[in-house]
C-alpha cells in the first residue's frame, strides 16, 4: 500500500472520436440542452402564473420540471465543456458531487413518476373521490417523500463510493463520473456498494415501476368502459404519451442497473446515460406538459399578454 498512488482527480475519457465529431456532438447536445431548459422553465412559469392549473396534477408536473432542470444541469454543462477541452479532468470532490446529484435526482424522478401515475389512476378510476384522496396535504407529503428518498439514497451511494481507495489508473471510461464507471476503478472490495445499488434499485426503481404498471392497467380497464368515443380517445391519447415516457425512463434504468453484467459495455452505458442527461428532460417537457392542451392554452395566453403589454 505504501507504493500505491491514490487518485486525487479523474480523467474523463468520454467518446473516442475525432475533434470534428466532438464539435458536432457539442452542437447537437447544446441544442437539446437549451430546448430542455427553455421547455421546462416555460412549464414551470405557466403553471405558477395560471390559477386554473393549481391542481394536484400540475403541482406534480411543476416539480417534475424543476427536477428536470436540475437533472440536466447537473452534468450537461460539464459534458459540453469536456467536448471542447483536450484534457478532461475532474477533481475527486467534483466527481463525488456529480455522482451524488446524478443519483439523487434520478432516484427522485423514479419515485415522482410513480406518484404521478397514482394521481392519474385516482383521477380516472375514482373521479368522484379525487379531491378527497388527493388533497393538498397528501400531495405535499408525496412530493416531499420523493425528494427525500432520492437525496437520502444518493447520499448513501456517494458516501460508500468516496470511502473506497482509488489507486492506479484514474481514467473514467464515461463522459462524466457515473457511479458504475467509477466503481470499476476502486482497488478494494465493492460488494457492499453493489448490494446497496441493488437494494436501491429494487426499492426506488423496480417497486415504483410495478406501481406504475398496476396504475395504468387499471386506467386502461377504466378507459375501455367509457361510452363516449371522443372522451375515450382523448384519455387514451394522453395516457399513452405518459406511458411512453415512463416506459423509456424505467426501462433504460432497469437495463443499466439491473441488467446482466455480461451484457454491459462502456459504449452501451454511455448511450443510455446520454438519454438520461439530455433526451429524457426534453421529452418530459414536450410530452408530459407542452403536449397537454391546458398547458398549451395557458402558454398562449401568457405570450399574448406579453405581446400586448408594451402597446398598453
C-alpha atoms as a PDB file:
ATOM      1  CA  UNK A   1       0.000   0.000   0.000  1.00  0.00           C
ATOM      2  CA  UNK A   2       2.944   2.337   0.641  1.00  0.00           C
ATOM      3  CA  UNK A   3       3.990   2.202  -3.028  1.00  0.00           C
ATOM      4  CA  UNK A   4       0.483   2.886  -4.398  1.00  0.00           C
ATOM      5  CA  UNK A   5      -0.577   6.332  -5.562  1.00  0.00           C
ATOM      6  CA  UNK A   6      -4.168   7.197  -4.747  1.00  0.00           C
ATOM      7  CA  UNK A   7      -6.185   9.268  -7.183  1.00  0.00           C
ATOM      8  CA  UNK A   8      -6.863  12.903  -6.339  1.00  0.00           C
ATOM      9  CA  UNK A   9      -8.505  13.584  -9.680  1.00  0.00           C
ATOM     10  CA  UNK A  10     -10.078  11.607 -12.505  1.00  0.00           C
ATOM     11  CA  UNK A  11      -9.683  11.783 -16.272  1.00  0.00           C
ATOM     12  CA  UNK A  12     -12.982  11.583 -18.158  1.00  0.00           C
ATOM     13  CA  UNK A  13     -12.372   9.643 -21.374  1.00  0.00           C
ATOM     14  CA  UNK A  14     -15.717  10.470 -22.995  1.00  0.00           C
ATOM     15  CA  UNK A  15     -16.270   9.269 -26.557  1.00  0.00           C
ATOM     16  CA  UNK A  16     -13.293   8.071 -28.587  1.00  0.00           C
ATOM     17  CA  UNK A  17     -13.975  10.303 -31.565  1.00  0.00           C
ATOM     18  CA  UNK A  18     -12.101  12.924 -33.530  1.00  0.00           C
ATOM     19  CA  UNK A  19     -12.266  16.695 -32.899  1.00  0.00           C
ATOM     20  CA  UNK A  20     -14.725  17.291 -35.747  1.00  0.00           C
ATOM     21  CA  UNK A  21     -17.170  14.677 -34.400  1.00  0.00           C
ATOM     22  CA  UNK A  22     -16.848  16.042 -30.867  1.00  0.00           C
ATOM     23  CA  UNK A  23     -17.596  19.537 -32.125  1.00  0.00           C
ATOM     24  CA  UNK A  24     -20.657  18.178 -33.958  1.00  0.00           C
ATOM     25  CA  UNK A  25     -21.797  16.390 -30.772  1.00  0.00           C
ATOM     26  CA  UNK A  26     -21.279  19.639 -28.847  1.00  0.00           C
ATOM     27  CA  UNK A  27     -23.661  21.430 -31.215  1.00  0.00           C
ATOM     28  CA  UNK A  28     -26.336  18.722 -31.066  1.00  0.00           C
ATOM     29  CA  UNK A  29     -26.225  18.343 -27.275  1.00  0.00           C
ATOM     30  CA  UNK A  30     -26.193  22.117 -26.791  1.00  0.00           C
ATOM     31  CA  UNK A  31     -29.429  22.441 -28.777  1.00  0.00           C
ATOM     32  CA  UNK A  32     -31.089  19.591 -26.856  1.00  0.00           C
ATOM     33  CA  UNK A  33     -29.949  21.022 -23.505  1.00  0.00           C
ATOM     34  CA  UNK A  34     -31.221  24.508 -24.412  1.00  0.00           C
ATOM     35  CA  UNK A  35     -34.599  23.151 -25.559  1.00  0.00           C
ATOM     36  CA  UNK A  36     -34.859  21.160 -22.333  1.00  0.00           C
ATOM     37  CA  UNK A  37     -34.131  24.194 -20.142  1.00  0.00           C
ATOM     38  CA  UNK A  38     -36.491  26.504 -22.031  1.00  0.00           C
ATOM     39  CA  UNK A  39     -39.279  23.920 -22.215  1.00  0.00           C
ATOM     40  CA  UNK A  40     -39.196  23.009 -18.532  1.00  0.00           C
ATOM     41  CA  UNK A  41     -38.803  26.647 -17.486  1.00  0.00           C
ATOM     42  CA  UNK A  42     -41.856  27.615 -19.566  1.00  0.00           C
ATOM     43  CA  UNK A  43     -43.899  24.835 -17.985  1.00  0.00           C
ATOM     44  CA  UNK A  44     -42.886  25.970 -14.505  1.00  0.00           C
ATOM     45  CA  UNK A  45     -43.712  29.623 -15.202  1.00  0.00           C
ATOM     46  CA  UNK A  46     -47.047  28.845 -16.876  1.00  0.00           C
ATOM     47  CA  UNK A  47     -48.223  26.589 -14.048  1.00  0.00           C
ATOM     48  CA  UNK A  48     -47.191  29.085 -11.377  1.00  0.00           C
ATOM     49  CA  UNK A  49     -48.903  32.035 -13.075  1.00  0.00           C
ATOM     50  CA  UNK A  50     -52.161  30.334 -14.038  1.00  0.00           C
ATOM     51  CA  UNK A  51     -54.507  29.732 -11.115  1.00  0.00           C
ATOM     52  CA  UNK A  52     -56.564  27.249 -13.173  1.00  0.00           C
ATOM     53  CA  UNK A  53     -53.528  24.943 -13.218  1.00  0.00           C
ATOM     54  CA  UNK A  54     -53.153  24.919  -9.438  1.00  0.00           C
ATOM     55  CA  UNK A  55     -54.328  21.324  -9.161  1.00  0.00           C
ATOM     56  CA  UNK A  56     -52.519  18.188  -7.937  1.00  0.00           C
ATOM     57  CA  UNK A  57     -51.682  17.018 -11.463  1.00  0.00           C
ATOM     58  CA  UNK A  58     -49.952  20.271 -12.388  1.00  0.00           C
ATOM     59  CA  UNK A  59     -48.385  20.536  -8.936  1.00  0.00           C
ATOM     60  CA  UNK A  60     -46.569  17.286  -9.722  1.00  0.00           C
ATOM     61  CA  UNK A  61     -45.724  18.464 -13.241  1.00  0.00           C
ATOM     62  CA  UNK A  62     -44.246  21.639 -11.782  1.00  0.00           C
ATOM     63  CA  UNK A  63     -41.948  19.607  -9.540  1.00  0.00           C
ATOM     64  CA  UNK A  64     -41.036  17.372 -12.477  1.00  0.00           C
ATOM     65  CA  UNK A  65     -39.995  20.463 -14.447  1.00  0.00           C
ATOM     66  CA  UNK A  66     -37.845  21.697 -11.563  1.00  0.00           C
ATOM     67  CA  UNK A  67     -36.341  18.232 -11.233  1.00  0.00           C
ATOM     68  CA  UNK A  68     -35.512  18.001 -14.933  1.00  0.00           C
ATOM     69  CA  UNK A  69     -33.888  21.444 -14.971  1.00  0.00           C
ATOM     70  CA  UNK A  70     -31.665  20.415 -12.057  1.00  0.00           C
ATOM     71  CA  UNK A  71     -31.056  16.977 -13.537  1.00  0.00           C
ATOM     72  CA  UNK A  72     -29.981  18.256 -16.939  1.00  0.00           C
ATOM     73  CA  UNK A  73     -27.837  20.993 -15.399  1.00  0.00           C
ATOM     74  CA  UNK A  74     -26.039  18.636 -13.006  1.00  0.00           C
ATOM     75  CA  UNK A  75     -23.997  17.024 -15.802  1.00  0.00           C
ATOM     76  CA  UNK A  76     -24.742  18.678 -19.149  1.00  0.00           C
ATOM     77  CA  UNK A  77     -22.512  21.797 -18.740  1.00  0.00           C
ATOM     78  CA  UNK A  78     -19.558  19.629 -17.695  1.00  0.00           C
ATOM     79  CA  UNK A  79     -20.172  17.189 -20.562  1.00  0.00           C
ATOM     80  CA  UNK A  80     -20.389  20.037 -23.085  1.00  0.00           C
ATOM     81  CA  UNK A  81     -17.187  21.575 -21.717  1.00  0.00           C
ATOM     82  CA  UNK A  82     -15.324  18.281 -21.994  1.00  0.00           C
ATOM     83  CA  UNK A  83     -16.273  18.004 -25.660  1.00  0.00           C
ATOM     84  CA  UNK A  84     -14.269  21.155 -26.317  1.00  0.00           C
ATOM     85  CA  UNK A  85     -11.295  20.514 -23.987  1.00  0.00           C
ATOM     86  CA  UNK A  86      -8.176  18.467 -24.664  1.00  0.00           C
ATOM     87  CA  UNK A  87      -7.536  17.312 -21.090  1.00  0.00           C
ATOM     88  CA  UNK A  88     -10.783  16.302 -19.418  1.00  0.00           C
ATOM     89  CA  UNK A  89     -10.071  16.118 -15.711  1.00  0.00           C
ATOM     90  CA  UNK A  90     -12.285  16.451 -12.656  1.00  0.00           C
ATOM     91  CA  UNK A  91     -11.306  16.636  -9.006  1.00  0.00           C
ATOM     92  CA  UNK A  92     -12.106  13.894  -6.503  1.00  0.00           C
ATOM     93  CA  UNK A  93     -14.643  16.158  -4.772  1.00  0.00           C
ATOM     94  CA  UNK A  94     -16.138  17.242  -8.086  1.00  0.00           C
ATOM     95  CA  UNK A  95     -16.537  13.617  -9.112  1.00  0.00           C
ATOM     96  CA  UNK A  96     -18.306  12.820  -5.846  1.00  0.00           C
ATOM     97  CA  UNK A  97     -20.626  15.797  -6.376  1.00  0.00           C
ATOM     98  CA  UNK A  98     -21.539  14.553  -9.856  1.00  0.00           C
ATOM     99  CA  UNK A  99     -22.296  11.073  -8.542  1.00  0.00           C
ATOM    100  CA  UNK A 100     -24.456  12.486  -5.756  1.00  0.00           C
ATOM    101  CA  UNK A 101     -26.514  14.831  -7.926  1.00  0.00           C
ATOM    102  CA  UNK A 102     -26.929  12.274 -10.706  1.00  0.00           C
ATOM    103  CA  UNK A 103     -28.102   9.507  -8.368  1.00  0.00           C
ATOM    104  CA  UNK A 104     -30.213  11.712  -6.097  1.00  0.00           C
ATOM    105  CA  UNK A 105     -32.108  13.407  -8.920  1.00  0.00           C
ATOM    106  CA  UNK A 106     -32.550  10.179 -10.905  1.00  0.00           C
ATOM    107  CA  UNK A 107     -33.951   8.312  -7.898  1.00  0.00           C
ATOM    108  CA  UNK A 108     -36.203  11.256  -7.041  1.00  0.00           C
ATOM    109  CA  UNK A 109     -37.677  11.151 -10.546  1.00  0.00           C
ATOM    110  CA  UNK A 110     -38.302   7.404 -10.228  1.00  0.00           C
ATOM    111  CA  UNK A 111     -40.486   7.991  -7.178  1.00  0.00           C
ATOM    112  CA  UNK A 112     -42.143  11.134  -8.562  1.00  0.00           C
ATOM    113  CA  UNK A 113     -43.198   9.384 -11.781  1.00  0.00           C
ATOM    114  CA  UNK A 114     -44.857   6.675  -9.684  1.00  0.00           C
ATOM    115  CA  UNK A 115     -46.650   9.358  -7.659  1.00  0.00           C
ATOM    116  CA  UNK A 116     -47.878  10.983 -10.869  1.00  0.00           C
ATOM    117  CA  UNK A 117     -49.185   7.664 -12.186  1.00  0.00           C
ATOM    118  CA  UNK A 118     -51.095   7.144  -8.935  1.00  0.00           C
ATOM    119  CA  UNK A 119     -52.571  10.635  -9.311  1.00  0.00           C
ATOM    120  CA  UNK A 120     -53.805   9.753 -12.810  1.00  0.00           C
ATOM    121  CA  UNK A 121     -55.184   6.457 -11.501  1.00  0.00           C
ATOM    122  CA  UNK A 122     -57.263   8.222  -8.848  1.00  0.00           C
ATOM    123  CA  UNK A 123     -58.402  10.935 -11.293  1.00  0.00           C
ATOM    124  CA  UNK A 124     -59.596   8.472 -13.944  1.00  0.00           C
ATOM    125  CA  UNK A 125     -60.695   5.473 -11.882  1.00  0.00           C
ATOM    126  CA  UNK A 126     -62.139   7.329  -8.864  1.00  0.00           C
ATOM    127  CA  UNK A 127     -63.066  10.811 -10.153  1.00  0.00           C
ATOM    128  CA  UNK A 128     -65.744  11.479  -7.528  1.00  0.00           C
ATOM    129  CA  UNK A 129     -63.287  10.863  -4.675  1.00  0.00           C
ATOM    130  CA  UNK A 130     -60.337  12.576  -6.346  1.00  0.00           C
ATOM    131  CA  UNK A 131     -60.434  15.822  -4.344  1.00  0.00           C
ATOM    132  CA  UNK A 132     -60.752  13.898  -1.092  1.00  0.00           C
ATOM    133  CA  UNK A 133     -57.957  11.414  -1.779  1.00  0.00           C
ATOM    134  CA  UNK A 134     -55.539  13.812  -3.487  1.00  0.00           C
ATOM    135  CA  UNK A 135     -55.854  16.724  -1.089  1.00  0.00           C
ATOM    136  CA  UNK A 136     -53.005  19.214  -0.766  1.00  0.00           C
ATOM    137  CA  UNK A 137     -51.634  17.621   2.385  1.00  0.00           C
ATOM    138  CA  UNK A 138     -51.328  14.258   0.633  1.00  0.00           C
ATOM    139  CA  UNK A 139     -49.785  15.831  -2.470  1.00  0.00           C
ATOM    140  CA  UNK A 140     -47.215  17.783  -0.471  1.00  0.00           C
ATOM    141  CA  UNK A 141     -46.309  14.689   1.531  1.00  0.00           C
ATOM    142  CA  UNK A 142     -45.867  12.619  -1.630  1.00  0.00           C
ATOM    143  CA  UNK A 143     -43.587  15.199  -3.235  1.00  0.00           C
ATOM    144  CA  UNK A 144     -41.564  15.614  -0.037  1.00  0.00           C
ATOM    145  CA  UNK A 145     -41.117  11.834   0.207  1.00  0.00           C
ATOM    146  CA  UNK A 146     -39.974  11.711  -3.425  1.00  0.00           C
ATOM    147  CA  UNK A 147     -37.231  14.295  -2.891  1.00  0.00           C
ATOM    148  CA  UNK A 148     -36.246  12.844   0.492  1.00  0.00           C
ATOM    149  CA  UNK A 149     -35.932   9.263  -0.775  1.00  0.00           C
ATOM    150  CA  UNK A 150     -33.875  10.331  -3.769  1.00  0.00           C
ATOM    151  CA  UNK A 151     -31.421  12.523  -1.890  1.00  0.00           C
ATOM    152  CA  UNK A 152     -31.136  10.094   1.041  1.00  0.00           C
ATOM    153  CA  UNK A 153     -30.224   7.137  -1.155  1.00  0.00           C
ATOM    154  CA  UNK A 154     -27.972   9.411  -3.220  1.00  0.00           C
ATOM    155  CA  UNK A 155     -26.077  10.398  -0.073  1.00  0.00           C
ATOM    156  CA  UNK A 156     -25.672   6.745   0.915  1.00  0.00           C
ATOM    157  CA  UNK A 157     -24.345   5.856  -2.525  1.00  0.00           C
ATOM    158  CA  UNK A 158     -21.796   8.665  -2.695  1.00  0.00           C
ATOM    159  CA  UNK A 159     -20.691   8.073   0.906  1.00  0.00           C
ATOM    160  CA  UNK A 160     -19.968   4.413   0.213  1.00  0.00           C
ATOM    161  CA  UNK A 161     -18.201   5.282  -3.039  1.00  0.00           C
ATOM    162  CA  UNK A 162     -15.913   8.018  -1.699  1.00  0.00           C
ATOM    163  CA  UNK A 163     -14.711   5.815   1.170  1.00  0.00           C
ATOM    164  CA  UNK A 164     -13.116   3.457  -1.375  1.00  0.00           C
ATOM    165  CA  UNK A 165      -9.434   3.765  -2.302  1.00  0.00           C
ATOM    166  CA  UNK A 166      -8.833   4.547  -5.983  1.00  0.00           C
ATOM    167  CA  UNK A 167      -5.310   3.614  -6.973  1.00  0.00           C
ATOM    168  CA  UNK A 168      -3.514   3.029 -10.233  1.00  0.00           C
ATOM    169  CA  UNK A 169      -5.446   4.121 -13.325  1.00  0.00           C
ATOM    170  CA  UNK A 170      -7.774   7.067 -12.742  1.00  0.00           C
ATOM    171  CA  UNK A 171      -9.406   7.102 -16.171  1.00  0.00           C
ATOM    172  CA  UNK A 172     -13.214   7.005 -16.070  1.00  0.00           C
ATOM    173  CA  UNK A 173     -14.474   5.359 -19.266  1.00  0.00           C
ATOM    174  CA  UNK A 174     -17.530   7.590 -19.466  1.00  0.00           C
ATOM    175  CA  UNK A 175     -18.368  11.215 -20.254  1.00  0.00           C
ATOM    176  CA  UNK A 176     -18.964  12.113 -16.589  1.00  0.00           C
ATOM    177  CA  UNK A 177     -18.491  10.486 -13.179  1.00  0.00           C
ATOM    178  CA  UNK A 178     -21.136   7.797 -13.497  1.00  0.00           C
ATOM    179  CA  UNK A 179     -21.375   5.517 -10.463  1.00  0.00           C
ATOM    180  CA  UNK A 180     -20.732   2.162 -12.140  1.00  0.00           C
ATOM    181  CA  UNK A 181     -17.846   3.541 -14.212  1.00  0.00           C
ATOM    182  CA  UNK A 182     -16.145   4.985 -11.110  1.00  0.00           C
ATOM    183  CA  UNK A 183     -16.594   1.802  -9.075  1.00  0.00           C
ATOM    184  CA  UNK A 184     -14.594  -0.091 -11.710  1.00  0.00           C
ATOM    185  CA  UNK A 185     -11.527   1.941 -10.662  1.00  0.00           C
ATOM    186  CA  UNK A 186     -11.702   1.023  -6.977  1.00  0.00           C
ATOM    187  CA  UNK A 187      -8.842  -1.134  -5.668  1.00  0.00           C
ATOM    188  CA  UNK A 188     -10.936  -2.625  -2.861  1.00  0.00           C
ATOM    189  CA  UNK A 189     -13.902  -4.920  -2.417  1.00  0.00           C
ATOM    190  CA  UNK A 190     -17.112  -3.268  -3.703  1.00  0.00           C
ATOM    191  CA  UNK A 191     -19.566  -5.952  -2.565  1.00  0.00           C
ATOM    192  CA  UNK A 192     -21.255  -3.540  -0.142  1.00  0.00           C
ATOM    193  CA  UNK A 193     -21.621  -0.940  -2.892  1.00  0.00           C
ATOM    194  CA  UNK A 194     -23.161  -3.478  -5.260  1.00  0.00           C
ATOM    195  CA  UNK A 195     -25.561  -4.670  -2.560  1.00  0.00           C
ATOM    196  CA  UNK A 196     -26.705  -1.118  -1.797  1.00  0.00           C
ATOM    197  CA  UNK A 197     -27.144  -0.370  -5.511  1.00  0.00           C
ATOM    198  CA  UNK A 198     -29.266  -3.486  -5.931  1.00  0.00           C
ATOM    199  CA  UNK A 199     -31.346  -2.622  -2.848  1.00  0.00           C
ATOM    200  CA  UNK A 200     -31.912   0.940  -4.055  1.00  0.00           C
ATOM    201  CA  UNK A 201     -32.915  -0.324  -7.499  1.00  0.00           C
ATOM    202  CA  UNK A 202     -35.478  -2.691  -6.009  1.00  0.00           C
ATOM    203  CA  UNK A 203     -36.972  -0.146  -3.583  1.00  0.00           C
ATOM    204  CA  UNK A 204     -36.845   3.042  -5.674  1.00  0.00           C
ATOM    205  CA  UNK A 205     -36.757   1.709  -9.233  1.00  0.00           C
ATOM    206  CA  UNK A 206     -38.454  -1.674  -9.521  1.00  0.00           C
ATOM    207  CA  UNK A 207     -41.190  -1.177  -6.917  1.00  0.00           C
ATOM    208  CA  UNK A 208     -42.307   2.227  -8.302  1.00  0.00           C
ATOM    209  CA  UNK A 209     -42.214   0.746 -11.814  1.00  0.00           C
ATOM    210  CA  UNK A 210     -44.569  -2.040 -10.731  1.00  0.00           C
ATOM    211  CA  UNK A 211     -46.825   0.581  -9.150  1.00  0.00           C
ATOM    212  CA  UNK A 212     -46.887   2.457 -12.463  1.00  0.00           C
ATOM    213  CA  UNK A 213     -47.777  -0.713 -14.357  1.00  0.00           C
ATOM    214  CA  UNK A 214     -50.630  -1.563 -11.965  1.00  0.00           C
ATOM    215  CA  UNK A 215     -51.941   2.021 -12.090  1.00  0.00           C
ATOM    216  CA  UNK A 216     -52.039   2.158 -15.874  1.00  0.00           C
ATOM    217  CA  UNK A 217     -53.576  -1.295 -16.173  1.00  0.00           C
ATOM    218  CA  UNK A 218     -56.452  -0.059 -14.010  1.00  0.00           C
ATOM    219  CA  UNK A 219     -56.597   3.125 -16.087  1.00  0.00           C
ATOM    220  CA  UNK A 220     -56.732   1.085 -19.307  1.00  0.00           C
ATOM    221  CA  UNK A 221     -59.581  -1.032 -17.945  1.00  0.00           C
ATOM    222  CA  UNK A 222     -61.487   2.129 -16.998  1.00  0.00           C
ATOM    223  CA  UNK A 223     -60.888   3.728 -20.415  1.00  0.00           C
ATOM    224  CA  UNK A 224     -62.318   0.696 -22.181  1.00  0.00           C
ATOM    225  CA  UNK A 225     -65.566   1.163 -20.226  1.00  0.00           C
ATOM    226  CA  UNK A 226     -66.000   4.813 -21.256  1.00  0.00           C
ATOM    227  CA  UNK A 227     -69.043   5.049 -23.543  1.00  0.00           C
ATOM    228  CA  UNK A 228     -68.112   8.300 -25.284  1.00  0.00           C
ATOM    229  CA  UNK A 229     -65.709   7.594 -28.150  1.00  0.00           C
ATOM    230  CA  UNK A 230     -64.309  11.137 -28.064  1.00  0.00           C
ATOM    231  CA  UNK A 231     -63.658  11.031 -24.308  1.00  0.00           C
ATOM    232  CA  UNK A 232     -62.146   7.560 -24.610  1.00  0.00           C
ATOM    233  CA  UNK A 233     -59.824   8.684 -27.412  1.00  0.00           C
ATOM    234  CA  UNK A 234     -58.734  11.828 -25.538  1.00  0.00           C
ATOM    235  CA  UNK A 235     -57.997   9.940 -22.321  1.00  0.00           C
ATOM    236  CA  UNK A 236     -56.198   7.134 -24.131  1.00  0.00           C
ATOM    237  CA  UNK A 237     -54.088   9.596 -26.160  1.00  0.00           C
ATOM    238  CA  UNK A 238     -52.962  11.439 -23.031  1.00  0.00           C
ATOM    239  CA  UNK A 239     -52.170   8.267 -21.082  1.00  0.00           C
ATOM    240  CA  UNK A 240     -50.314   6.651 -23.988  1.00  0.00           C
ATOM    241  CA  UNK A 241     -47.927   9.614 -24.101  1.00  0.00           C
ATOM    242  CA  UNK A 242     -47.275   9.317 -20.389  1.00  0.00           C
ATOM    243  CA  UNK A 243     -46.731   5.549 -20.660  1.00  0.00           C
ATOM    244  CA  UNK A 244     -44.202   6.074 -23.458  1.00  0.00           C
ATOM    245  CA  UNK A 245     -42.052   8.443 -21.401  1.00  0.00           C
ATOM    246  CA  UNK A 246     -42.357   6.389 -18.223  1.00  0.00           C
ATOM    247  CA  UNK A 247     -41.553   3.168 -20.074  1.00  0.00           C
ATOM    248  CA  UNK A 248     -38.438   4.670 -21.640  1.00  0.00           C
ATOM    249  CA  UNK A 249     -37.245   6.079 -18.318  1.00  0.00           C
ATOM    250  CA  UNK A 250     -37.736   2.979 -16.184  1.00  0.00           C
ATOM    251  CA  UNK A 251     -36.739   0.611 -18.983  1.00  0.00           C
ATOM    252  CA  UNK A 252     -33.427   2.387 -19.511  1.00  0.00           C
ATOM    253  CA  UNK A 253     -32.680   2.478 -15.778  1.00  0.00           C
ATOM    254  CA  UNK A 254     -33.538  -1.203 -15.275  1.00  0.00           C
ATOM    255  CA  UNK A 255     -31.360  -2.120 -18.245  1.00  0.00           C
ATOM    256  CA  UNK A 256     -28.427  -0.153 -16.806  1.00  0.00           C
ATOM    257  CA  UNK A 257     -28.520  -1.175 -13.152  1.00  0.00           C
ATOM    258  CA  UNK A 258     -30.460  -4.459 -13.041  1.00  0.00           C
ATOM    259  CA  UNK A 259     -29.449  -5.980 -16.368  1.00  0.00           C
ATOM    260  CA  UNK A 260     -26.975  -8.860 -16.672  1.00  0.00           C
ATOM    261  CA  UNK A 261     -23.372  -7.848 -16.029  1.00  0.00           C
ATOM    262  CA  UNK A 262     -22.237  -9.777 -19.110  1.00  0.00           C
ATOM    263  CA  UNK A 263     -24.375  -7.543 -21.368  1.00  0.00           C
ATOM    264  CA  UNK A 264     -22.855  -4.305 -20.090  1.00  0.00           C
ATOM    265  CA  UNK A 265     -20.380  -2.403 -22.237  1.00  0.00           C
ATOM    266  CA  UNK A 266     -18.844   1.029 -21.891  1.00  0.00           C
ATOM    267  CA  UNK A 267     -20.401   2.310 -25.128  1.00  0.00           C
ATOM    268  CA  UNK A 268     -23.850   0.982 -24.199  1.00  0.00           C
ATOM    269  CA  UNK A 269     -23.724   2.621 -20.761  1.00  0.00           C
ATOM    270  CA  UNK A 270     -22.646   5.924 -22.304  1.00  0.00           C
ATOM    271  CA  UNK A 271     -25.536   5.899 -24.772  1.00  0.00           C
ATOM    272  CA  UNK A 272     -28.057   5.062 -22.046  1.00  0.00           C
ATOM    273  CA  UNK A 273     -26.658   7.815 -19.825  1.00  0.00           C
ATOM    274  CA  UNK A 274     -26.981  10.285 -22.697  1.00  0.00           C
ATOM    275  CA  UNK A 275     -30.689   9.520 -22.740  1.00  0.00           C
ATOM    276  CA  UNK A 276     -30.947  10.416 -19.052  1.00  0.00           C
ATOM    277  CA  UNK A 277     -28.792  13.531 -19.230  1.00  0.00           C
ATOM    278  CA  UNK A 278     -30.187  15.114 -22.400  1.00  0.00           C
ATOM    279  CA  UNK A 279     -33.119  13.314 -24.041  1.00  0.00           C
ATOM    280  CA  UNK A 280     -35.333  12.489 -21.053  1.00  0.00           C
ATOM    281  CA  UNK A 281     -35.597  16.047 -19.612  1.00  0.00           C
ATOM    282  CA  UNK A 282     -36.528  17.326 -23.069  1.00  0.00           C
ATOM    283  CA  UNK A 283     -39.121  14.564 -23.602  1.00  0.00           C
ATOM    284  CA  UNK A 284     -40.729  15.292 -20.241  1.00  0.00           C
ATOM    285  CA  UNK A 285     -41.188  18.944 -21.178  1.00  0.00           C
ATOM    286  CA  UNK A 286     -42.572  18.138 -24.631  1.00  0.00           C
ATOM    287  CA  UNK A 287     -44.786  15.132 -23.900  1.00  0.00           C
ATOM    288  CA  UNK A 288     -45.798  15.440 -20.259  1.00  0.00           C
ATOM    289  CA  UNK A 289     -46.525  19.144 -20.321  1.00  0.00           C
ATOM    290  CA  UNK A 290     -46.325  21.068 -23.579  1.00  0.00           C
ATOM    291  CA  UNK A 291     -48.419  18.379 -25.302  1.00  0.00           C
ATOM    292  CA  UNK A 292     -51.091  18.983 -22.673  1.00  0.00           C
ATOM    293  CA  UNK A 293     -53.905  21.150 -24.058  1.00  0.00           C
ATOM    294  CA  UNK A 294     -54.414  23.127 -20.846  1.00  0.00           C
ATOM    295  CA  UNK A 295     -50.718  23.924 -20.538  1.00  0.00           C
ATOM    296  CA  UNK A 296     -50.524  24.980 -24.192  1.00  0.00           C
ATOM    297  CA  UNK A 297     -53.607  27.144 -23.783  1.00  0.00           C
ATOM    298  CA  UNK A 298     -52.164  28.823 -20.709  1.00  0.00           C
ATOM    299  CA  UNK A 299     -48.842  29.343 -22.509  1.00  0.00           C
ATOM    300  CA  UNK A 300     -50.601  31.034 -25.439  1.00  0.00           C
ATOM    301  CA  UNK A 301     -52.382  33.370 -23.016  1.00  0.00           C
ATOM    302  CA  UNK A 302     -49.096  34.284 -21.349  1.00  0.00           C
ATOM    303  CA  UNK A 303     -47.421  35.010 -24.691  1.00  0.00           C
ATOM    304  CA  UNK A 304     -50.372  37.128 -25.864  1.00  0.00           C
ATOM    305  CA  UNK A 305     -50.291  39.049 -22.604  1.00  0.00           C
ATOM    306  CA  UNK A 306     -46.567  39.719 -23.013  1.00  0.00           C
ATOM    307  CA  UNK A 307     -47.028  40.928 -26.585  1.00  0.00           C
ATOM    308  CA  UNK A 308     -49.895  43.254 -25.686  1.00  0.00           C
ATOM    309  CA  UNK A 309     -48.129  44.676 -22.615  1.00  0.00           C
ATOM    310  CA  UNK A 310     -45.736  47.043 -24.456  1.00  0.00           C
ATOM    311  CA  UNK A 311     -48.594  48.523 -26.524  1.00  0.00           C
ATOM    312  CA  UNK A 312     -50.540  49.360 -23.385  1.00  0.00           C
END
